[in-house]
Amino acid sequence: MDTRRGAGDAPDPYDVLGVDPSASPERITSAYRRLVRRLHPDTRSDEVTEEALARVLAAYETLRDPAARAALDRRRRAAPAAAPAPVRGVTAVVTTATGRIPARAPLLRAGPVRVERPL
Protein backbone atom coordinates (compact mmCIF):
# COMPACT_ATOMS: atom_id res chain seq x y z
CA MET A 1 0.00 0.00 0.00
CA ASP A 2 2.59 2.52 -1.00
CA THR A 3 0.36 5.21 -2.37
CA ARG A 4 2.24 8.29 -3.46
CA ARG A 5 0.64 11.63 -4.16
CA GLY A 6 3.05 12.68 -6.88
CA ALA A 7 6.46 12.11 -8.37
CA GLY A 8 8.45 14.01 -5.73
CA ASP A 9 6.03 13.99 -2.83
CA ALA A 10 6.39 12.15 0.46
CA PRO A 11 4.61 8.83 0.93
CA ASP A 12 1.07 8.80 2.25
CA PRO A 13 1.15 9.20 6.08
CA TYR A 14 -1.56 6.55 6.51
CA ASP A 15 0.55 4.03 4.59
CA VAL A 16 3.69 4.93 6.54
CA LEU A 17 1.96 4.22 9.86
CA GLY A 18 0.05 1.26 8.46
CA VAL A 19 -3.41 2.51 9.44
CA ASP A 20 -6.63 3.13 7.53
CA PRO A 21 -7.74 6.69 6.78
CA SER A 22 -10.72 6.06 9.06
CA ALA A 23 -8.48 5.11 12.02
CA SER A 24 -9.11 6.75 15.38
CA PRO A 25 -6.50 9.04 16.94
CA GLU A 26 -5.80 6.33 19.53
CA ARG A 27 -5.10 3.78 16.78
CA ILE A 28 -2.77 6.23 15.00
CA THR A 29 -0.87 6.89 18.24
CA SER A 30 -0.60 3.17 18.93
CA ALA A 31 0.81 2.49 15.45
CA TYR A 32 3.24 5.39 15.83
CA ARG A 33 4.54 4.15 19.19
CA ARG A 34 4.94 0.61 17.87
CA LEU A 35 6.99 1.81 14.89
CA VAL A 36 9.12 4.19 16.98
CA ARG A 37 10.00 1.37 19.39
CA ARG A 38 11.04 -0.80 16.47
CA LEU A 39 12.99 1.90 14.57
CA HIS A 40 14.53 3.87 17.45
CA PRO A 41 18.28 4.60 17.05
CA ASP A 42 19.03 3.07 20.47
CA THR A 43 18.00 -0.33 19.12
CA ARG A 44 19.29 0.01 15.52
CA SER A 45 21.85 2.18 13.77
CA ASP A 46 21.64 1.76 10.01
CA GLU A 47 20.75 4.49 7.50
CA VAL A 48 17.60 2.74 6.30
CA THR A 49 16.23 2.76 9.83
CA GLU A 50 17.02 6.47 10.24
CA GLU A 51 15.17 7.29 7.01
CA ALA A 52 12.22 5.11 8.02
CA LEU A 53 12.10 6.76 11.46
CA ALA A 54 12.10 10.20 9.82
CA ARG A 55 9.14 9.16 7.62
CA VAL A 56 7.26 7.83 10.67
CA LEU A 57 7.88 11.05 12.63
CA ALA A 58 6.70 13.20 9.70
CA ALA A 59 3.60 11.05 9.18
CA TYR A 60 2.65 11.21 12.85
CA GLU A 61 3.24 14.97 12.93
CA THR A 62 0.67 15.32 10.14
CA LEU A 63 -1.90 12.85 11.48
CA ARG A 64 -1.87 13.89 15.14
CA ASP A 65 -2.95 17.45 14.31
CA PRO A 66 -6.70 17.44 13.52
CA ALA A 67 -6.45 20.43 11.17
CA ALA A 68 -3.49 18.98 9.23
CA ARG A 69 -5.22 15.58 9.04
CA ALA A 70 -8.42 17.19 7.73
CA ALA A 71 -6.42 19.06 5.08
CA LEU A 72 -4.68 15.83 4.07
CA ASP A 73 -8.02 14.03 3.79
CA ARG A 74 -9.39 16.82 1.58
CA ARG A 75 -6.34 16.60 -0.70
CA ARG A 76 -6.71 12.82 -0.90
CA ARG A 77 -10.36 13.12 -1.90
CA ALA A 78 -9.62 15.84 -4.47
CA ALA A 79 -6.70 14.00 -6.06
CA PRO A 80 -7.67 12.62 -9.47
CA ALA A 81 -7.62 8.90 -10.03
CA ALA A 82 -4.77 7.48 -12.05
CA ALA A 83 -5.39 8.15 -15.73
CA PRO A 84 -5.43 5.18 -18.10
CA ALA A 85 -2.31 4.66 -20.14
CA PRO A 86 -2.53 6.36 -23.55
CA VAL A 87 -2.49 4.31 -26.73
CA ARG A 88 0.73 5.16 -28.52
CA GLY A 89 1.64 4.92 -32.17
CA VAL A 90 -1.93 4.68 -33.49
CA THR A 91 -3.84 7.65 -34.89
CA ALA A 92 -7.21 8.14 -36.53
CA VAL A 93 -9.00 10.92 -38.35
CA VAL A 94 -11.83 12.43 -36.37
CA THR A 95 -14.72 14.17 -38.10
CA THR A 96 -16.98 16.76 -36.55
CA ALA A 97 -20.64 17.58 -37.10
CA THR A 98 -19.64 20.04 -39.86
CA GLY A 99 -17.82 17.34 -41.78
CA ARG A 100 -14.42 18.95 -41.40
CA ILE A 101 -11.47 16.82 -40.57
CA PRO A 102 -9.49 18.26 -37.67
CA ALA A 103 -5.99 17.24 -36.68
CA ARG A 104 -5.19 13.61 -36.05
CA ALA A 105 -6.29 12.26 -32.67
CA PRO A 106 -5.58 9.01 -30.82
CA LEU A 107 -7.82 6.08 -31.64
CA LEU A 108 -10.73 5.35 -29.40
CA ARG A 109 -10.58 1.66 -28.67
CA ALA A 110 -13.94 0.09 -27.95
CA GLY A 111 -12.69 -3.46 -27.70
CA PRO A 112 -9.69 -5.63 -28.32
CA VAL A 113 -10.70 -6.84 -31.82
CA ARG A 114 -11.74 -3.88 -33.94
CA VAL A 115 -9.78 -0.79 -34.85
CA GLU A 116 -11.26 1.82 -37.22
CA ARG A 117 -8.79 3.21 -39.74
CA PRO A 118 -9.27 6.15 -42.13
CA LEU A 119 -9.83 5.39 -45.82
C-alpha atoms as a PDB file:
ATOM      1  CA  MET A   1       0.000   0.000   0.000  1.00  0.00           C
ATOM      2  CA  ASP A   2       2.591   2.520  -1.002  1.00  0.00           C
ATOM      3  CA  THR A   3       0.362   5.206  -2.373  1.00  0.00           C
ATOM      4  CA  ARG A   4       2.239   8.294  -3.457  1.00  0.00           C
ATOM      5  CA  ARG A   5       0.636  11.631  -4.163  1.00  0.00           C
ATOM      6  CA  GLY A   6       3.054  12.676  -6.877  1.00  0.00           C
ATOM      7  CA  ALA A   7       6.463  12.112  -8.365  1.00  0.00           C
ATOM      8  CA  GLY A   8       8.447  14.014  -5.727  1.00  0.00           C
ATOM      9  CA  ASP A   9       6.028  13.991  -2.830  1.00  0.00           C
ATOM     10  CA  ALA A  10       6.390  12.151   0.462  1.00  0.00           C
ATOM     11  CA  PRO A  11       4.606   8.829   0.926  1.00  0.00           C
ATOM     12  CA  ASP A  12       1.066   8.797   2.251  1.00  0.00           C
ATOM     13  CA  PRO A  13       1.146   9.204   6.079  1.00  0.00           C
ATOM     14  CA  TYR A  14      -1.565   6.552   6.508  1.00  0.00           C
ATOM     15  CA  ASP A  15       0.545   4.030   4.594  1.00  0.00           C
ATOM     16  CA  VAL A  16       3.689   4.930   6.536  1.00  0.00           C
ATOM     17  CA  LEU A  17       1.961   4.224   9.861  1.00  0.00           C
ATOM     18  CA  GLY A  18       0.048   1.256   8.462  1.00  0.00           C
ATOM     19  CA  VAL A  19      -3.409   2.515   9.444  1.00  0.00           C
ATOM     20  CA  ASP A  20      -6.629   3.128   7.526  1.00  0.00           C
ATOM     21  CA  PRO A  21      -7.740   6.692   6.778  1.00  0.00           C
ATOM     22  CA  SER A  22     -10.719   6.063   9.065  1.00  0.00           C
ATOM     23  CA  ALA A  23      -8.476   5.109  12.022  1.00  0.00           C
ATOM     24  CA  SER A  24      -9.111   6.745  15.376  1.00  0.00           C
ATOM     25  CA  PRO A  25      -6.496   9.043  16.942  1.00  0.00           C
ATOM     26  CA  GLU A  26      -5.795   6.327  19.531  1.00  0.00           C
ATOM     27  CA  ARG A  27      -5.099   3.781  16.779  1.00  0.00           C
ATOM     28  CA  ILE A  28      -2.774   6.232  15.004  1.00  0.00           C
ATOM     29  CA  THR A  29      -0.868   6.891  18.242  1.00  0.00           C
ATOM     30  CA  SER A  30      -0.602   3.167  18.925  1.00  0.00           C
ATOM     31  CA  ALA A  31       0.810   2.490  15.446  1.00  0.00           C
ATOM     32  CA  TYR A  32       3.236   5.392  15.825  1.00  0.00           C
ATOM     33  CA  ARG A  33       4.543   4.154  19.188  1.00  0.00           C
ATOM     34  CA  ARG A  34       4.943   0.606  17.873  1.00  0.00           C
ATOM     35  CA  LEU A  35       6.994   1.815  14.892  1.00  0.00           C
ATOM     36  CA  VAL A  36       9.125   4.193  16.977  1.00  0.00           C
ATOM     37  CA  ARG A  37      10.001   1.373  19.392  1.00  0.00           C
ATOM     38  CA  ARG A  38      11.044  -0.802  16.468  1.00  0.00           C
ATOM     39  CA  LEU A  39      12.990   1.895  14.574  1.00  0.00           C
ATOM     40  CA  HIS A  40      14.528   3.871  17.452  1.00  0.00           C
ATOM     41  CA  PRO A  41      18.282   4.602  17.055  1.00  0.00           C
ATOM     42  CA  ASP A  42      19.030   3.066  20.465  1.00  0.00           C
ATOM     43  CA  THR A  43      17.998  -0.333  19.116  1.00  0.00           C
ATOM     44  CA  ARG A  44      19.289   0.011  15.523  1.00  0.00           C
ATOM     45  CA  SER A  45      21.848   2.184  13.769  1.00  0.00           C
ATOM     46  CA  ASP A  46      21.640   1.757  10.006  1.00  0.00           C
ATOM     47  CA  GLU A  47      20.745   4.492   7.498  1.00  0.00           C
ATOM     48  CA  VAL A  48      17.598   2.740   6.297  1.00  0.00           C
ATOM     49  CA  THR A  49      16.227   2.762   9.826  1.00  0.00           C
ATOM     50  CA  GLU A  50      17.024   6.468  10.243  1.00  0.00           C
ATOM     51  CA  GLU A  51      15.174   7.291   7.013  1.00  0.00           C
ATOM     52  CA  ALA A  52      12.220   5.112   8.023  1.00  0.00           C
ATOM     53  CA  LEU A  53      12.099   6.756  11.456  1.00  0.00           C
ATOM     54  CA  ALA A  54      12.102  10.202   9.815  1.00  0.00           C
ATOM     55  CA  ARG A  55       9.136   9.156   7.618  1.00  0.00           C
ATOM     56  CA  VAL A  56       7.263   7.832  10.670  1.00  0.00           C
ATOM     57  CA  LEU A  57       7.877  11.046  12.631  1.00  0.00           C
ATOM     58  CA  ALA A  58       6.703  13.199   9.699  1.00  0.00           C
ATOM     59  CA  ALA A  59       3.599  11.048   9.181  1.00  0.00           C
ATOM     60  CA  TYR A  60       2.649  11.210  12.851  1.00  0.00           C
ATOM     61  CA  GLU A  61       3.240  14.967  12.933  1.00  0.00           C
ATOM     62  CA  THR A  62       0.671  15.321  10.140  1.00  0.00           C
ATOM     63  CA  LEU A  63      -1.897  12.849  11.480  1.00  0.00           C
ATOM     64  CA  ARG A  64      -1.869  13.893  15.138  1.00  0.00           C
ATOM     65  CA  ASP A  65      -2.947  17.452  14.312  1.00  0.00           C
ATOM     66  CA  PRO A  66      -6.704  17.441  13.522  1.00  0.00           C
ATOM     67  CA  ALA A  67      -6.446  20.434  11.169  1.00  0.00           C
ATOM     68  CA  ALA A  68      -3.494  18.983   9.232  1.00  0.00           C
ATOM     69  CA  ARG A  69      -5.215  15.585   9.045  1.00  0.00           C
ATOM     70  CA  ALA A  70      -8.419  17.186   7.726  1.00  0.00           C
ATOM     71  CA  ALA A  71      -6.422  19.063   5.076  1.00  0.00           C
ATOM     72  CA  LEU A  72      -4.683  15.832   4.065  1.00  0.00           C
ATOM     73  CA  ASP A  73      -8.024  14.030   3.790  1.00  0.00           C
ATOM     74  CA  ARG A  74      -9.391  16.824   1.582  1.00  0.00           C
ATOM     75  CA  ARG A  75      -6.341  16.603  -0.698  1.00  0.00           C
ATOM     76  CA  ARG A  76      -6.707  12.817  -0.902  1.00  0.00           C
ATOM     77  CA  ARG A  77     -10.365  13.122  -1.903  1.00  0.00           C
ATOM     78  CA  ALA A  78      -9.621  15.844  -4.470  1.00  0.00           C
ATOM     79  CA  ALA A  79      -6.699  13.997  -6.061  1.00  0.00           C
ATOM     80  CA  PRO A  80      -7.672  12.621  -9.470  1.00  0.00           C
ATOM     81  CA  ALA A  81      -7.617   8.896 -10.027  1.00  0.00           C
ATOM     82  CA  ALA A  82      -4.769   7.478 -12.047  1.00  0.00           C
ATOM     83  CA  ALA A  83      -5.395   8.147 -15.728  1.00  0.00           C
ATOM     84  CA  PRO A  84      -5.430   5.184 -18.105  1.00  0.00           C
ATOM     85  CA  ALA A  85      -2.309   4.659 -20.144  1.00  0.00           C
ATOM     86  CA  PRO A  86      -2.529   6.359 -23.547  1.00  0.00           C
ATOM     87  CA  VAL A  87      -2.491   4.308 -26.734  1.00  0.00           C
ATOM     88  CA  ARG A  88       0.727   5.157 -28.518  1.00  0.00           C
ATOM     89  CA  GLY A  89       1.643   4.915 -32.166  1.00  0.00           C
ATOM     90  CA  VAL A  90      -1.931   4.681 -33.492  1.00  0.00           C
ATOM     91  CA  THR A  91      -3.839   7.647 -34.892  1.00  0.00           C
ATOM     92  CA  ALA A  92      -7.210   8.136 -36.535  1.00  0.00           C
ATOM     93  CA  VAL A  93      -8.999  10.919 -38.353  1.00  0.00           C
ATOM     94  CA  VAL A  94     -11.829  12.428 -36.369  1.00  0.00           C
ATOM     95  CA  THR A  95     -14.716  14.173 -38.096  1.00  0.00           C
ATOM     96  CA  THR A  96     -16.978  16.762 -36.549  1.00  0.00           C
ATOM     97  CA  ALA A  97     -20.638  17.576 -37.104  1.00  0.00           C
ATOM     98  CA  THR A  98     -19.635  20.039 -39.857  1.00  0.00           C
ATOM     99  CA  GLY A  99     -17.817  17.340 -41.776  1.00  0.00           C
ATOM    100  CA  ARG A 100     -14.423  18.947 -41.403  1.00  0.00           C
ATOM    101  CA  ILE A 101     -11.467  16.820 -40.572  1.00  0.00           C
ATOM    102  CA  PRO A 102      -9.493  18.262 -37.666  1.00  0.00           C
ATOM    103  CA  ALA A 103      -5.990  17.241 -36.681  1.00  0.00           C
ATOM    104  CA  ARG A 104      -5.192  13.610 -36.046  1.00  0.00           C
ATOM    105  CA  ALA A 105      -6.288  12.260 -32.675  1.00  0.00           C
ATOM    106  CA  PRO A 106      -5.584   9.012 -30.824  1.00  0.00           C
ATOM    107  CA  LEU A 107      -7.816   6.076 -31.636  1.00  0.00           C
ATOM    108  CA  LEU A 108     -10.731   5.353 -29.403  1.00  0.00           C
ATOM    109  CA  ARG A 109     -10.583   1.662 -28.671  1.00  0.00           C
ATOM    110  CA  ALA A 110     -13.943   0.092 -27.951  1.00  0.00           C
ATOM    111  CA  GLY A 111     -12.695  -3.460 -27.702  1.00  0.00           C
ATOM    112  CA  PRO A 112      -9.689  -5.633 -28.323  1.00  0.00           C
ATOM    113  CA  VAL A 113     -10.697  -6.843 -31.817  1.00  0.00           C
ATOM    114  CA  ARG A 114     -11.739  -3.881 -33.942  1.00  0.00           C
ATOM    115  CA  VAL A 115      -9.777  -0.786 -34.847  1.00  0.00           C
ATOM    116  CA  GLU A 116     -11.259   1.825 -37.218  1.00  0.00           C
ATOM    117  CA  ARG A 117      -8.795   3.210 -39.742  1.00  0.00           C
ATOM    118  CA  PRO A 118      -9.271   6.147 -42.132  1.00  0.00           C
ATOM    119  CA  LEU A 119      -9.831   5.386 -45.821  1.00  0.00           C
END
